[in-house]
Amino acid sequence: MTLAEKLLQDFQALPDEKKRQVINFVEFLCAKQQQELEQMTDNSITENEEEFVELAKQCVRGR
């Protein structure tokens, strides 16, 4: 049995209120993952700001 099959089987056995809690938790995890990805992107941009500025200058000169 795959993880997805096990999860679905266990989920289907839950009462509706518990299913709602599971859905809320999954949504929380997705939002947290998105927030972490955005933070990593922001950090990368900040850490490489000089390189991005130089790249932008080269793009403008290349027109």
PDB file of N, CA and C in Angstrom:
ATOM      1  N   MET A   1       0.857  -1.185   0.000  1.00  0.00           N
ATOM      2  CA  MET A   1       0.000   0.000   0.000  1.00  0.00           C
ATOM      3  C   MET A   1       0.894   1.237   0.000  1.00  0.00           C
ATOM      4  N   THR A   2       0.591   2.152  -0.893  1.00  0.00           N
ATOM      5  CA  THR A   2       1.367   3.386  -0.963  1.00  0.00           C
ATOM      6  C   THR A   2       0.963   4.327   0.170  1.00  0.00           C
ATOM      7  N   LEU A   3       1.776   5.338   0.373  1.00  0.00           N
ATOM      8  CA  LEU A   3       1.453   6.346   1.388  1.00  0.00           C
ATOM      9  C   LEU A   3       0.124   7.028   1.073  1.00  0.00           C
ATOM     10  N   ALA A   4      -0.095   7.347  -0.196  1.00  0.00           N
ATOM     11  CA  ALA A   4      -1.341   8.011  -0.592  1.00  0.00           C
ATOM     12  C   ALA A   4      -2.547   7.118  -0.315  1.00  0.00           C
ATOM     13  N   GLU A   5      -2.410   5.840  -0.617  1.00  0.00           N
ATOM     14  CA  GLU A   5      -3.515   4.912  -0.364  1.00  0.00           C
ATOM     15  C   GLU A   5      -3.787   4.781   1.120  1.00  0.00           C
ATOM     16  N   LYS A   6      -2.727   4.702   1.931  1.00  0.00           N
ATOM     17  CA  LYS A   6      -2.876   4.596   3.388  1.00  0.00           C
ATOM     18  C   LYS A   6      -3.540   5.853   3.939  1.00  0.00           C
ATOM     19  N   LEU A   7      -3.087   6.998   3.469  1.00  0.00           N
ATOM     20  CA  LEU A   7      -3.660   8.262   3.921  1.00  0.00           C
ATOM     21  C   LEU A   7      -5.142   8.343   3.570  1.00  0.00           C
ATOM     22  N   LEU A   8      -5.482   7.994   2.346  1.00  0.00           N
ATOM     23  CA  LEU A   8      -6.875   8.050   1.918  1.00  0.00           C
ATOM     24  C   LEU A   8      -7.741   7.085   2.719  1.00  0.00           C
ATOM     25  N   GLN A   9      -7.234   5.900   2.948  1.00  0.00           N
ATOM     26  CA  GLN A   9      -7.984   4.903   3.722  1.00  0.00           C
ATOM     27  C   GLN A   9      -8.238   5.405   5.146  1.00  0.00           C
ATOM     28  N   ASP A  10      -7.206   5.910   5.785  1.00  0.00           N
ATOM     29  CA  ASP A  10      -7.359   6.417   7.148  1.00  0.00           C
ATOM     30  C   ASP A  10      -8.264   7.646   7.190  1.00  0.00           C
ATOM     31  N   PHE A  11      -8.103   8.523   6.197  1.00  0.00           N
ATOM     32  CA  PHE A  11      -8.907   9.735   6.132  1.00  0.00           C
ATOM     33  C   PHE A  11     -10.394   9.395   5.991  1.00  0.00           C
ATOM     34  N   GLN A  12     -10.701   8.466   5.120  1.00  0.00           N
ATOM     35  CA  GLN A  12     -12.094   8.099   4.879  1.00  0.00           C
ATOM     36  C   GLN A  12     -12.754   7.495   6.119  1.00  0.00           C
ATOM     37  N   ALA A  13     -11.965   6.922   7.010  1.00  0.00           N
ATOM     38  CA  ALA A  13     -12.517   6.310   8.213  1.00  0.00           C
ATOM     39  C   ALA A  13     -12.829   7.333   9.305  1.00  0.00           C
ATOM     40  N   LEU A  14     -12.358   8.554   9.134  1.00  0.00           N
ATOM     41  CA  LEU A  14     -12.567   9.582  10.157  1.00  0.00           C
ATOM     42  C   LEU A  14     -13.963  10.189  10.071  1.00  0.00           C
ATOM     43  N   PRO A  15     -14.462  10.667  11.227  1.00  0.00           N
ATOM     44  CA  PRO A  15     -15.714  11.445  11.192  1.00  0.00           C
ATOM     45  C   PRO A  15     -15.451  12.796  10.531  1.00  0.00           C
ATOM     46  N   ASP A  16     -16.516  13.445  10.059  1.00  0.00           N
ATOM     47  CA  ASP A  16     -16.377  14.690   9.308  1.00  0.00           C
ATOM     48  C   ASP A  16     -15.580  15.764  10.038  1.00  0.00           C
ATOM     49  N   GLU A  17     -15.791  15.929  11.330  1.00  0.00           N
ATOM     50  CA  GLU A  17     -15.057  16.964  12.077  1.00  0.00           C
ATOM     51  C   GLU A  17     -13.555  16.691  12.054  1.00  0.00           C
ATOM     52  N   LYS A  18     -13.161  15.450  12.193  1.00  0.00           N
ATOM     53  CA  LYS A  18     -11.739  15.092  12.146  1.00  0.00           C
ATOM     54  C   LYS A  18     -11.189  15.282  10.731  1.00  0.00           C
ATOM     55  N   LYS A  19     -12.011  15.005   9.725  1.00  0.00           N
ATOM     56  CA  LYS A  19     -11.583  15.239   8.348  1.00  0.00           C
ATOM     57  C   LYS A  19     -11.288  16.719   8.140  1.00  0.00           C
ATOM     58  N   ARG A  20     -12.151  17.583   8.687  1.00  0.00           N
ATOM     59  CA  ARG A  20     -11.946  19.029   8.588  1.00  0.00           C
ATOM     60  C   ARG A  20     -10.633  19.415   9.250  1.00  0.00           C
ATOM     61  N   GLN A  21     -10.300  18.821  10.390  1.00  0.00           N
ATOM     62  CA  GLN A  21      -9.046  19.115  11.074  1.00  0.00           C
ATOM     63  C   GLN A  21      -7.853  18.689  10.227  1.00  0.00           C
ATOM     64  N   VAL A  22      -7.958  17.542   9.577  1.00  0.00           N
ATOM     65  CA  VAL A  22      -6.888  17.068   8.705  1.00  0.00           C
ATOM     66  C   VAL A  22      -6.699  18.039   7.542  1.00  0.00           C
ATOM     67  N   ILE A  23      -7.788  18.458   6.936  1.00  0.00           N
ATOM     68  CA  ILE A  23      -7.715  19.405   5.816  1.00  0.00           C
ATOM     69  C   ILE A  23      -7.092  20.723   6.272  1.00  0.00           C
ATOM     70  N   ASN A  24      -7.492  21.210   7.430  1.00  0.00           N
ATOM     71  CA  ASN A  24      -6.911  22.443   7.969  1.00  0.00           C
ATOM     72  C   ASN A  24      -5.414  22.298   8.190  1.00  0.00           C
ATOM     73  N   PHE A  25      -4.995  21.148   8.690  1.00  0.00           N
ATOM     74  CA  PHE A  25      -3.573  20.919   8.942  1.00  0.00           C
ATOM     75  C   PHE A  25      -2.798  20.868   7.627  1.00  0.00           C
ATOM     76  N   VAL A  26      -3.343  20.198   6.631  1.00  0.00           N
ATOM     77  CA  VAL A  26      -2.682  20.134   5.325  1.00  0.00           C
ATOM     78  C   VAL A  26      -2.567  21.532   4.721  1.00  0.00           C
ATOM     79  N   GLU A  27      -3.614  22.330   4.829  1.00  0.00           N
ATOM     80  CA  GLU A  27      -3.572  23.696   4.327  1.00  0.00           C
ATOM     81  C   GLU A  27      -2.523  24.520   5.076  1.00  0.00           C
ATOM     82  N   PHE A  28      -2.421  24.309   6.386  1.00  0.00           N
ATOM     83  CA  PHE A  28      -1.392  24.983   7.189  1.00  0.00           C
ATOM     84  C   PHE A  28      -0.002  24.606   6.695  1.00  0.00           C
ATOM     85  N   LEU A  29       0.232  23.311   6.467  1.00  0.00           N
ATOM     86  CA  LEU A  29       1.541  22.858   5.990  1.00  0.00           C
ATOM     87  C   LEU A  29       1.873  23.449   4.623  1.00  0.00           C
ATOM     88  N   CYS A  30       0.889  23.513   3.743  1.00  0.00           N
ATOM     89  CA  CYS A  30       1.106  24.100   2.417  1.00  0.00           C
ATOM     90  C   CYS A  30       1.446  25.582   2.525  1.00  0.00           C
ATOM     91  N   ALA A  31       0.729  26.297   3.360  1.00  0.00           N
ATOM     92  CA  ALA A  31       0.994  27.721   3.548  1.00  0.00           C
ATOM     93  C   ALA A  31       2.379  27.939   4.148  1.00  0.00           C
ATOM     94  N   LYS A  32       2.750  27.105   5.104  1.00  0.00           N
ATOM     95  CA  LYS A  32       4.071  27.209   5.725  1.00  0.00           C
ATOM     96  C   LYS A  32       5.160  26.938   4.698  1.00  0.00           C
ATOM     97  N   GLN A  33       4.973  25.934   3.864  1.00  0.00           N
ATOM     98  CA  GLN A  33       5.945  25.619   2.825  1.00  0.00           C
ATOM     99  C   GLN A  33       6.079  26.782   1.847  1.00  0.00           C
ATOM    100  N   GLN A  34       4.956  27.386   1.458  1.00  0.00           N
ATOM    101  CA  GLN A  34       4.983  28.533   0.551  1.00  0.00           C
ATOM    102  C   GLN A  34       5.716  29.706   1.193  1.00  0.00           C
ATOM    103  N   GLN A  35       5.462  29.937   2.469  1.00  0.00           N
ATOM    104  CA  GLN A  35       6.119  31.030   3.182  1.00  0.00           C
ATOM    105  C   GLN A  35       7.626  30.797   3.255  1.00  0.00           C
ATOM    106  N   GLU A  36       8.039  29.553   3.511  1.00  0.00           N
ATOM    107  CA  GLU A  36       9.464  29.232   3.563  1.00  0.00           C
ATOM    108  C   GLU A  36      10.119  29.424   2.201  1.00  0.00           C
ATOM    109  N   LEU A  37       9.426  29.052   1.136  1.00  0.00           N
ATOM    110  CA  LEU A  37       9.942  29.233  -0.213  1.00  0.00           C
ATOM    111  C   LEU A  37      10.094  30.716  -0.537  1.00  0.00           C
ATOM    112  N   GLU A  38       9.112  31.506  -0.163  1.00  0.00           N
ATOM    113  CA  GLU A  38       9.185  32.944  -0.400  1.00  0.00           C
ATOM    114  C   GLU A  38      10.335  33.562   0.388  1.00  0.00           C
ATOM    115  N   GLN A  39      10.559  33.102   1.606  1.00  0.00           N
ATOM    116  CA  GLN A  39      11.655  33.619   2.427  1.00  0.00           C
ATOM    117  C   GLN A  39      13.000  33.253   1.818  1.00  0.00           C
ATOM    118  N   MET A  40      13.119  32.025   1.314  1.00  0.00           N
ATOM    119  CA  MET A  40      14.358  31.606   0.655  1.00  0.00           C
ATOM    120  C   MET A  40      14.613  32.459  -0.586  1.00  0.00           C
ATOM    121  N   THR A  41      13.565  32.738  -1.344  1.00  0.00           N
ATOM    122  CA  THR A  41      13.697  33.567  -2.545  1.00  0.00           C
ATOM    123  C   THR A  41      14.128  34.980  -2.162  1.00  0.00           C
ATOM    124  N   ASP A  42      13.483  35.547  -1.158  1.00  0.00           N
ATOM    125  CA  ASP A  42      13.843  36.891  -0.699  1.00  0.00           C
ATOM    126  C   ASP A  42      15.292  36.932  -0.232  1.00  0.00           C
ATOM    127  N   ASN A  43      15.716  35.923   0.518  1.00  0.00           N
ATOM    128  CA  ASN A  43      17.095  35.870   1.000  1.00  0.00           C
ATOM    129  C   ASN A  43      18.081  35.773  -0.156  1.00  0.00           C
ATOM    130  N   SER A  44      17.746  34.963  -1.135  1.00  0.00           N
ATOM    131  CA  SER A  44      18.618  34.804  -2.301  1.00  0.00           C
ATOM    132  C   SER A  44      18.761  36.116  -3.057  1.00  0.00           C
ATOM    133  N   ILE A  45      17.656  36.820  -3.221  1.00  0.00           N
ATOM    134  CA  ILE A  45      17.702  38.112  -3.914  1.00  0.00           C
ATOM    135  C   ILE A  45      18.543  39.099  -3.125  1.00  0.00           C
ATOM    136  N   THR A  46      18.339  39.153  -1.818  1.00  0.00           N
ATOM    137  CA  THR A  46      19.098  40.078  -0.967  1.00  0.00           C
ATOM    138  C   THR A  46      20.589  39.754  -0.997  1.00  0.00           C
ATOM    139  N   GLU A  47      20.917  38.472  -0.905  1.00  0.00           N
ATOM    140  CA  GLU A  47      22.323  38.054  -0.879  1.00  0.00           C
ATOM    141  C   GLU A  47      23.021  38.291  -2.211  1.00  0.00           C
ATOM    142  N   ASN A  48      22.278  38.355  -3.294  1.00  0.00           N
ATOM    143  CA  ASN A  48      22.861  38.500  -4.627  1.00  0.00           C
ATOM    144  C   ASN A  48      22.455  39.802  -5.311  1.00  0.00           C
ATOM    145  N   GLU A  49      22.123  40.783  -4.523  1.00  0.00           N
ATOM    146  CA  GLU A  49      21.603  42.036  -5.060  1.00  0.00           C
ATOM    147  C   GLU A  49      22.571  42.690  -6.043  1.00  0.00           C
ATOM    148  N   GLU A  50      23.844  42.726  -5.713  1.00  0.00           N
ATOM    149  CA  GLU A  50      24.821  43.366  -6.590  1.00  0.00           C
ATOM    150  C   GLU A  50      24.887  42.667  -7.945  1.00  0.00           C
ATOM    151  N   GLU A  51      24.837  41.341  -7.927  1.00  0.00           N
ATOM    152  CA  GLU A  51      24.882  40.583  -9.178  1.00  0.00           C
ATOM    153  C   GLU A  51      23.640  40.852 -10.021  1.00  0.00           C
ATOM    154  N   PHE A  52      22.484  40.949  -9.382  1.00  0.00           N
ATOM    155  CA  PHE A  52      21.253  41.239 -10.113  1.00  0.00           C
ATOM    156  C   PHE A  52      21.285  42.642 -10.730  1.00  0.00           C
ATOM    157  N   VAL A  53      21.828  43.598  -9.997  1.00  0.00           N
ATOM    158  CA  VAL A  53      21.934  44.963 -10.520  1.00  0.00           C
ATOM    159  C   VAL A  53      22.855  44.968 -11.735  1.00  0.00           C
ATOM    160  N   GLU A  54      23.989  44.279 -11.640  1.00  0.00           N
ATOM    161  CA  GLU A  54      24.919  44.209 -12.765  1.00  0.00           C
ATOM    162  C   GLU A  54      24.285  43.510 -13.973  1.00  0.00           C
ATOM    163  N   LEU A  55      23.566  42.451 -13.726  1.00  0.00           N
ATOM    164  CA  LEU A  55      22.878  41.736 -14.804  1.00  0.00           C
ATOM    165  C   LEU A  55      21.837  42.643 -15.471  1.00  0.00           C
ATOM    166  N   ALA A  56      21.117  43.399 -14.681  1.00  0.00           N
ATOM    167  CA  ALA A  56      20.126  44.326 -15.235  1.00  0.00           C
ATOM    168  C   ALA A  56      20.792  45.382 -16.100  1.00  0.00           C
ATOM    169  N   LYS A  57      21.941  45.882 -15.655  1.00  0.00           N
ATOM    170  CA  LYS A  57      22.685  46.880 -16.451  1.00  0.00           C
ATOM    171  C   LYS A  57      23.097  46.283 -17.786  1.00  0.00           C
ATOM    172  N   GLN A  58      23.554  45.043 -17.768  1.00  0.00           N
ATOM    173  CA  GLN A  58      23.986  44.393 -19.008  1.00  0.00           C
ATOM    174  C   GLN A  58      22.797  44.194 -19.939  1.00  0.00           C
ATOM    175  N   CYS A  59      21.649  43.871 -19.401  1.00  0.00           N
ATOM    176  CA  CYS A  59      20.456  43.686 -20.230  1.00  0.00           C
ATOM    177  C   CYS A  59      20.047  44.996 -20.885  1.00  0.00           C
ATOM    178  N   VAL A  60      20.126  46.087 -20.151  1.00  0.00           N
ATOM    179  CA  VAL A  60      19.744  47.398 -20.677  1.00  0.00           C
ATOM    180  C   VAL A  60      20.728  47.807 -21.782  1.00  0.00           C
ATOM    181  N   ARG A  61      22.022  47.556 -21.569  1.00  0.00           N
ATOM    182  CA  ARG A  61      23.025  47.912 -22.577  1.00  0.00           C
ATOM    183  C   ARG A  61      22.882  47.072 -23.833  1.00  0.00           C
ATOM    184  N   GLY A  62      22.366  45.852 -23.674  1.00  0.00           N
ATOM    185  CA  GLY A  62      22.233  44.953 -24.808  1.00  0.00           C
ATOM    186  C   GLY A  62      21.083  45.285 -25.734  1.00  0.00           C
ATOM    187  N   ARG A  63      20.239  46.200 -25.361  1.00  0.00           N
ATOM    188  CA  ARG A  63      19.076  46.562 -26.188  1.00  0.00           C
ATOM    189  C   ARG A  63      19.463  47.359 -27.389  1.00  0.00           C
TER     190      ARG A  63
END
